[in-house]
Amino acid sequence: MAKKTNVGKLASEKTKKAFADEISSLTILTSEEIQTLFPKKADRVELEELLKIINLDMDDKEKKIKLVENIEKVGGAIIKIGKKFIAGVV
């Protein structure tokens, strides 16, 4: 894998920050929490997939079916959010 240039690294960090800011405006998580929980692009893709399913215009039973069908795509995000929730409760 090619190494990022300094410009590439700066662009990547700005993209991560913009993603975190946008997601934090839609959730109770802060931008910093989002960046910590979802540092890699693959993590952010999982989170996006999860949010898409949650926001579908269908009842919760149908959403559960979608989650089960797509568990490979969203499982990591569910675990990370669950761990964050448990850490805040326990």
N, C-alpha and C. Protein backbone atom coordinates (compact mmCIF):
# COMPACT_ATOMS: atom_id res chain seq x y z
N MET A 1 0.84 -1.18 0.00
CA MET A 1 0.00 0.00 0.00
C MET A 1 0.89 1.24 0.00
N ALA A 2 0.58 2.19 -0.85
CA ALA A 2 1.37 3.41 -0.95
C ALA A 2 1.18 4.27 0.29
N LYS A 3 2.25 4.94 0.68
CA LYS A 3 2.17 5.85 1.83
C LYS A 3 1.55 7.18 1.40
N LYS A 4 0.80 7.77 2.32
CA LYS A 4 0.18 9.06 2.03
C LYS A 4 1.21 10.17 2.16
N THR A 5 1.08 11.16 1.31
CA THR A 5 1.91 12.35 1.43
C THR A 5 1.36 13.18 2.58
N ASN A 6 2.08 14.22 2.96
CA ASN A 6 1.59 15.11 4.01
C ASN A 6 0.26 15.73 3.61
N VAL A 7 0.13 16.09 2.36
CA VAL A 7 -1.13 16.67 1.86
C VAL A 7 -2.24 15.62 1.95
N GLY A 8 -1.93 14.40 1.58
CA GLY A 8 -2.90 13.32 1.67
C GLY A 8 -3.32 13.05 3.10
N LYS A 9 -2.36 13.10 4.03
CA LYS A 9 -2.68 12.89 5.45
C LYS A 9 -3.59 14.01 5.97
N LEU A 10 -3.29 15.24 5.59
CA LEU A 10 -4.13 16.37 6.02
C LEU A 10 -5.54 16.26 5.45
N ALA A 11 -5.64 15.88 4.19
CA ALA A 11 -6.95 15.72 3.56
C ALA A 11 -7.73 14.60 4.23
N SER A 12 -7.06 13.52 4.55
CA SER A 12 -7.71 12.40 5.22
C SER A 12 -8.23 12.81 6.59
N GLU A 13 -7.44 13.54 7.34
CA GLU A 13 -7.86 14.00 8.67
C GLU A 13 -9.05 14.95 8.58
N LYS A 14 -9.04 15.83 7.58
CA LYS A 14 -10.18 16.75 7.40
C LYS A 14 -11.45 15.98 7.05
N THR A 15 -11.31 14.96 6.22
CA THR A 15 -12.46 14.13 5.85
C THR A 15 -13.00 13.40 7.06
N LYS A 16 -12.12 12.82 7.88
CA LYS A 16 -12.54 12.12 9.09
C LYS A 16 -13.27 13.08 10.03
N LYS A 17 -12.74 14.29 10.17
CA LYS A 17 -13.36 15.29 11.06
C LYS A 17 -14.72 15.69 10.54
N ALA A 18 -14.84 15.91 9.24
CA ALA A 18 -16.14 16.29 8.64
C ALA A 18 -17.15 15.17 8.84
N PHE A 19 -16.73 13.94 8.63
CA PHE A 19 -17.62 12.78 8.85
C PHE A 19 -18.08 12.75 10.30
N ALA A 20 -17.13 12.89 11.23
CA ALA A 20 -17.46 12.84 12.65
C ALA A 20 -18.41 13.97 13.04
N ASP A 21 -18.17 15.15 12.52
CA ASP A 21 -19.04 16.29 12.82
C ASP A 21 -20.46 16.04 12.33
N GLU A 22 -20.57 15.49 11.14
CA GLU A 22 -21.89 15.23 10.55
C GLU A 22 -22.64 14.16 11.36
N ILE A 23 -21.96 13.07 11.68
CA ILE A 23 -22.59 11.99 12.43
C ILE A 23 -22.96 12.46 13.83
N SER A 24 -22.09 13.26 14.45
CA SER A 24 -22.39 13.72 15.81
C SER A 24 -23.62 14.63 15.82
N SER A 25 -23.89 15.30 14.71
CA SER A 25 -25.09 16.15 14.65
C SER A 25 -26.35 15.30 14.57
N LEU A 26 -26.22 14.03 14.22
CA LEU A 26 -27.36 13.13 14.08
C LEU A 26 -27.51 12.18 15.27
N THR A 27 -26.51 12.13 16.15
CA THR A 27 -26.52 11.18 17.26
C THR A 27 -26.18 11.90 18.56
N ILE A 28 -26.16 11.14 19.66
CA ILE A 28 -25.77 11.72 20.94
C ILE A 28 -24.26 11.65 21.16
N LEU A 29 -23.55 11.02 20.24
CA LEU A 29 -22.10 10.94 20.34
C LEU A 29 -21.46 12.25 19.90
N THR A 30 -20.36 12.61 20.54
CA THR A 30 -19.62 13.80 20.13
C THR A 30 -18.75 13.49 18.92
N SER A 31 -18.29 14.51 18.28
CA SER A 31 -17.39 14.35 17.13
C SER A 31 -16.14 13.57 17.54
N GLU A 32 -15.60 13.88 18.71
CA GLU A 32 -14.40 13.20 19.19
C GLU A 32 -14.67 11.71 19.44
N GLU A 33 -15.84 11.41 20.01
CA GLU A 33 -16.19 10.01 20.25
C GLU A 33 -16.30 9.24 18.94
N ILE A 34 -16.89 9.87 17.95
CA ILE A 34 -17.04 9.23 16.64
C ILE A 34 -15.66 8.94 16.04
N GLN A 35 -14.77 9.92 16.12
CA GLN A 35 -13.43 9.72 15.57
C GLN A 35 -12.68 8.62 16.31
N THR A 36 -12.89 8.51 17.61
CA THR A 36 -12.23 7.48 18.41
C THR A 36 -12.82 6.11 18.12
N LEU A 37 -14.14 6.02 18.07
CA LEU A 37 -14.81 4.74 17.85
C LEU A 37 -14.66 4.22 16.42
N PHE A 38 -14.60 5.14 15.46
CA PHE A 38 -14.59 4.76 14.05
C PHE A 38 -13.41 5.41 13.32
N PRO A 39 -12.17 5.02 13.69
CA PRO A 39 -10.99 5.68 13.13
C PRO A 39 -10.67 5.32 11.67
N LYS A 40 -11.07 4.13 11.25
CA LYS A 40 -10.72 3.67 9.91
C LYS A 40 -11.90 3.85 8.95
N LYS A 41 -11.57 3.93 7.67
CA LYS A 41 -12.61 4.08 6.67
C LYS A 41 -13.61 2.92 6.74
N ALA A 42 -13.12 1.71 6.92
CA ALA A 42 -14.02 0.55 7.01
C ALA A 42 -14.98 0.69 8.18
N ASP A 43 -14.50 1.25 9.30
CA ASP A 43 -15.36 1.49 10.46
C ASP A 43 -16.47 2.48 10.11
N ARG A 44 -16.10 3.53 9.41
CA ARG A 44 -17.08 4.56 9.05
C ARG A 44 -18.10 4.03 8.05
N VAL A 45 -17.66 3.17 7.15
CA VAL A 45 -18.59 2.56 6.19
C VAL A 45 -19.62 1.71 6.94
N GLU A 46 -19.15 0.93 7.93
CA GLU A 46 -20.07 0.12 8.74
C GLU A 46 -21.09 1.01 9.44
N LEU A 47 -20.61 2.10 10.03
CA LEU A 47 -21.52 3.02 10.72
C LEU A 47 -22.55 3.61 9.77
N GLU A 48 -22.10 4.00 8.59
CA GLU A 48 -23.03 4.55 7.60
C GLU A 48 -24.10 3.53 7.21
N GLU A 49 -23.68 2.28 7.02
CA GLU A 49 -24.64 1.22 6.67
C GLU A 49 -25.65 1.03 7.79
N LEU A 50 -25.18 1.04 9.03
CA LEU A 50 -26.07 0.89 10.17
C LEU A 50 -27.08 2.03 10.23
N LEU A 51 -26.60 3.25 10.06
CA LEU A 51 -27.50 4.41 10.11
C LEU A 51 -28.52 4.39 8.97
N LYS A 52 -28.11 3.91 7.81
CA LYS A 52 -29.05 3.80 6.69
C LYS A 52 -30.19 2.85 7.04
N ILE A 53 -29.85 1.72 7.65
CA ILE A 53 -30.89 0.76 8.03
C ILE A 53 -31.80 1.35 9.10
N ILE A 54 -31.20 1.97 10.09
CA ILE A 54 -32.00 2.55 11.17
C ILE A 54 -32.96 3.62 10.65
N ASN A 55 -32.54 4.34 9.64
CA ASN A 55 -33.36 5.44 9.12
C ASN A 55 -34.33 5.02 8.01
N LEU A 56 -34.38 3.75 7.67
CA LEU A 56 -35.32 3.30 6.64
C LEU A 56 -36.75 3.59 7.07
N ASP A 57 -37.60 3.85 6.10
CA ASP A 57 -39.00 4.14 6.36
C ASP A 57 -39.78 2.83 6.42
N MET A 58 -39.59 2.11 7.53
CA MET A 58 -40.28 0.84 7.74
C MET A 58 -40.38 0.61 9.24
N ASP A 59 -41.19 -0.36 9.63
CA ASP A 59 -41.35 -0.60 11.07
C ASP A 59 -40.12 -1.32 11.63
N ASP A 60 -40.03 -1.34 12.96
CA ASP A 60 -38.85 -1.90 13.62
C ASP A 60 -38.65 -3.39 13.31
N LYS A 61 -39.74 -4.13 13.14
CA LYS A 61 -39.61 -5.55 12.83
C LYS A 61 -38.86 -5.73 11.50
N GLU A 62 -39.23 -4.93 10.51
CA GLU A 62 -38.56 -5.00 9.20
C GLU A 62 -37.10 -4.54 9.31
N LYS A 63 -36.84 -3.54 10.17
CA LYS A 63 -35.47 -3.07 10.36
C LYS A 63 -34.62 -4.17 11.00
N LYS A 64 -35.19 -4.90 11.95
CA LYS A 64 -34.46 -6.01 12.57
C LYS A 64 -34.09 -7.06 11.53
N ILE A 65 -35.01 -7.35 10.63
CA ILE A 65 -34.73 -8.30 9.55
C ILE A 65 -33.58 -7.79 8.70
N LYS A 66 -33.62 -6.50 8.35
CA LYS A 66 -32.54 -5.89 7.56
C LYS A 66 -31.21 -5.98 8.29
N LEU A 67 -31.23 -5.72 9.60
CA LEU A 67 -30.00 -5.80 10.38
C LEU A 67 -29.42 -7.21 10.34
N VAL A 68 -30.28 -8.21 10.52
CA VAL A 68 -29.82 -9.61 10.47
C VAL A 68 -29.25 -9.93 9.09
N GLU A 69 -29.93 -9.49 8.06
CA GLU A 69 -29.48 -9.75 6.69
C GLU A 69 -28.13 -9.09 6.40
N ASN A 70 -27.86 -7.97 7.08
CA ASN A 70 -26.66 -7.19 6.81
C ASN A 70 -25.68 -7.18 7.98
N ILE A 71 -25.76 -8.17 8.86
CA ILE A 71 -24.93 -8.17 10.07
C ILE A 71 -23.44 -8.10 9.74
N GLU A 72 -23.01 -8.70 8.65
CA GLU A 72 -21.60 -8.64 8.25
C GLU A 72 -21.16 -7.21 7.95
N LYS A 73 -22.09 -6.41 7.46
CA LYS A 73 -21.78 -5.03 7.08
C LYS A 73 -21.86 -4.06 8.25
N VAL A 74 -22.64 -4.40 9.29
CA VAL A 74 -22.89 -3.45 10.37
C VAL A 74 -22.51 -3.95 11.76
N GLY A 75 -22.11 -5.20 11.86
CA GLY A 75 -21.82 -5.81 13.16
C GLY A 75 -20.78 -5.07 13.98
N GLY A 76 -19.70 -4.65 13.34
CA GLY A 76 -18.65 -3.94 14.05
C GLY A 76 -19.14 -2.63 14.65
N ALA A 77 -19.95 -1.90 13.90
CA ALA A 77 -20.49 -0.63 14.40
C ALA A 77 -21.43 -0.86 15.57
N ILE A 78 -22.23 -1.90 15.50
CA ILE A 78 -23.16 -2.21 16.59
C ILE A 78 -22.37 -2.53 17.86
N ILE A 79 -21.32 -3.33 17.73
CA ILE A 79 -20.50 -3.69 18.89
C ILE A 79 -19.84 -2.46 19.50
N LYS A 80 -19.28 -1.60 18.67
CA LYS A 80 -18.61 -0.40 19.19
C LYS A 80 -19.58 0.53 19.90
N ILE A 81 -20.74 0.73 19.32
CA ILE A 81 -21.74 1.59 19.96
C ILE A 81 -22.24 0.94 21.25
N GLY A 82 -22.45 -0.36 21.21
CA GLY A 82 -22.87 -1.08 22.40
C GLY A 82 -21.86 -0.96 23.53
N LYS A 83 -20.60 -1.13 23.23
CA LYS A 83 -19.54 -1.00 24.24
C LYS A 83 -19.52 0.41 24.81
N LYS A 84 -19.69 1.41 23.95
CA LYS A 84 -19.70 2.80 24.42
C LYS A 84 -20.89 3.01 25.33
N PHE A 85 -22.04 2.49 24.97
CA PHE A 85 -23.24 2.64 25.78
C PHE A 85 -23.05 1.96 27.14
N ILE A 86 -22.52 0.75 27.14
CA ILE A 86 -22.32 0.01 28.39
C ILE A 86 -21.31 0.72 29.28
N ALA A 87 -20.25 1.25 28.68
CA ALA A 87 -19.23 1.95 29.47
C ALA A 87 -19.85 3.17 30.15
N GLY A 88 -20.81 3.81 29.50
CA GLY A 88 -21.45 4.98 30.09
C GLY A 88 -22.47 4.63 31.15
N VAL A 89 -22.94 3.39 31.16
CA VAL A 89 -23.98 2.96 32.09
C VAL A 89 -23.38 2.30 33.32
N VAL A 90 -22.37 1.49 33.10
CA VAL A 90 -21.79 0.69 34.20
C VAL A 90 -20.88 1.52 35.05
